[in-house]
Structure formats: structure tokens, C-alpha cells
Protein backbone atom coordinates (compact mmCIF):
# COMPACT_ATOMS: atom_id res chain seq x y z
CA UNK A 1 15.56 28.29 1.80
CA UNK A 2 15.92 26.03 5.12
CA UNK A 3 19.01 24.29 5.72
CA UNK A 4 18.31 20.75 7.87
CA UNK A 5 21.56 19.35 9.44
CA UNK A 6 21.00 16.11 9.62
CA UNK A 7 23.18 13.48 11.53
CA UNK A 8 22.82 9.51 11.85
CA UNK A 9 25.33 8.08 13.99
CA UNK A 10 28.81 9.90 12.10
CA UNK A 11 27.68 10.56 8.94
CA UNK A 12 26.40 14.28 8.85
CA UNK A 13 24.98 15.91 5.94
CA UNK A 14 23.07 19.69 4.99
CA UNK A 15 19.40 19.69 3.05
CA UNK A 16 17.69 22.25 1.46
CA UNK A 17 14.20 22.86 1.39
CA UNK A 18 11.27 25.85 0.60
CA UNK A 19 8.58 25.22 3.00
CA UNK A 20 6.52 24.48 -0.08
CA UNK A 21 8.60 21.09 0.31
CA UNK A 22 7.93 20.67 3.42
CA UNK A 23 3.93 21.11 2.93
CA UNK A 24 4.01 18.22 0.20
CA UNK A 25 6.02 16.00 2.35
CA UNK A 26 2.96 17.05 5.09
CA UNK A 27 0.46 16.07 2.56
CA UNK A 28 1.85 12.81 2.02
CA UNK A 29 2.22 11.77 5.41
CA UNK A 30 -1.20 12.53 6.39
CA UNK A 31 -2.48 10.54 3.56
CA UNK A 32 -0.09 7.78 3.96
CA UNK A 33 0.74 8.04 7.53
CA UNK A 34 -2.40 9.45 9.50
CA UNK A 35 0.03 12.11 10.83
CA UNK A 36 -2.11 15.22 12.81
CA UNK A 37 -2.95 17.56 9.61
CA UNK A 38 -1.94 20.28 12.36
CA UNK A 39 1.37 19.36 12.83
CA UNK A 40 3.34 21.57 10.46
CA UNK A 41 3.41 25.30 11.24
CA UNK A 42 0.48 27.17 9.13
CA UNK A 43 1.66 29.17 5.99
CA UNK A 44 1.80 32.78 6.84
CA UNK A 45 1.19 35.10 3.46
CA UNK A 46 1.64 38.47 5.44
CA UNK A 47 5.20 39.52 6.60
CA UNK A 48 6.55 36.01 5.43
CA UNK A 49 10.10 37.32 4.46
CA UNK A 50 10.63 39.11 8.00
CA UNK A 51 13.80 37.61 9.47
CA UNK A 52 11.69 37.27 12.75
CA UNK A 53 8.91 35.53 11.05
CA UNK A 54 11.53 33.07 9.09
CA UNK A 55 13.70 32.77 12.06
CA UNK A 56 10.01 31.27 14.14
CA UNK A 57 9.44 29.34 11.07
CA UNK A 58 12.53 27.33 10.96
CA UNK A 59 12.45 27.18 14.18
CA UNK A 60 8.97 25.27 13.99
CA UNK A 61 10.19 23.73 11.11
CA UNK A 62 12.99 21.60 13.36
CA UNK A 63 10.35 20.72 15.67
CA UNK A 64 8.07 19.33 13.21
CA UNK A 65 10.88 17.05 11.76
CA UNK A 66 12.12 16.20 15.41
CA UNK A 67 8.55 15.24 16.28
CA UNK A 68 8.35 13.04 13.08
CA UNK A 69 11.29 11.44 13.74
CA UNK A 70 10.44 10.72 17.19
CA UNK A 71 6.93 8.84 16.09
CA UNK A 72 8.99 6.92 13.39
CA UNK A 73 12.00 5.63 15.96
CA UNK A 74 12.52 2.40 14.46
CA UNK A 75 12.25 3.36 10.12
CA UNK A 76 11.21 6.65 8.96
CA UNK A 77 8.63 6.23 6.13
CA UNK A 78 9.46 6.21 2.76
CA UNK A 79 8.73 9.56 1.64
CA UNK A 80 10.60 11.24 5.09
CA UNK A 81 13.58 9.46 4.40
CA UNK A 82 13.99 10.66 0.54
CA UNK A 83 13.20 13.87 2.08
CA UNK A 84 15.79 14.17 4.81
CA UNK A 85 17.96 12.28 1.71
CA UNK A 86 18.98 9.52 3.84
CA UNK A 87 19.33 7.24 0.53
CA UNK A 88 21.94 9.07 -0.01
CA UNK A 89 24.31 8.50 2.66
CA UNK A 90 23.00 5.77 5.07
CA UNK A 91 22.98 2.00 3.87
């Protein structure tokens, strides 16, 4: 499980997602918003639980989310907003 710290203005909250959740999000964004399908870090099979791999993937997933938010500066797509729980914290 990856823990995501989200900050919007003075609001801050934590979201937790598994890699499979990122993959599902990415598939939707690729089909709906034409996001580059290679943007999401690949799923690794061998040594997937090694600490160094988990830390590396965590950094790559952070870059992935930051890239998505830069791509949609005015309004995040509904699927991304839901993934980050914007609907629960930002009105």
C-alpha cells in the first residue's frame, strides 16, 4: 500500500492505494484522456517486496501523480479527483 499526502490550499489529507489502484486509474486516463500509456511505472514481478524496489516505485508513483496534476492544472479529471479523494475534502 502506498500512502499519498494530498495538499490543496489549506486542506491536507492522506490517501492509501495499492499499485493495482494506480494501474486501474491509469487505464481509465489512457482511454478517456489520452494519457501516455508509458507514463505509469511498470509492475515488477521479481523482488517486488524488496525495500529498495518499494522505495523506488514509491518515488516513481509520486512523479506519476505530479505529472498528472501538471497536465490538468485547471481541473483534474473526475477519475483522478476521485482517486485522490478531492470530493471528500475540497468543496
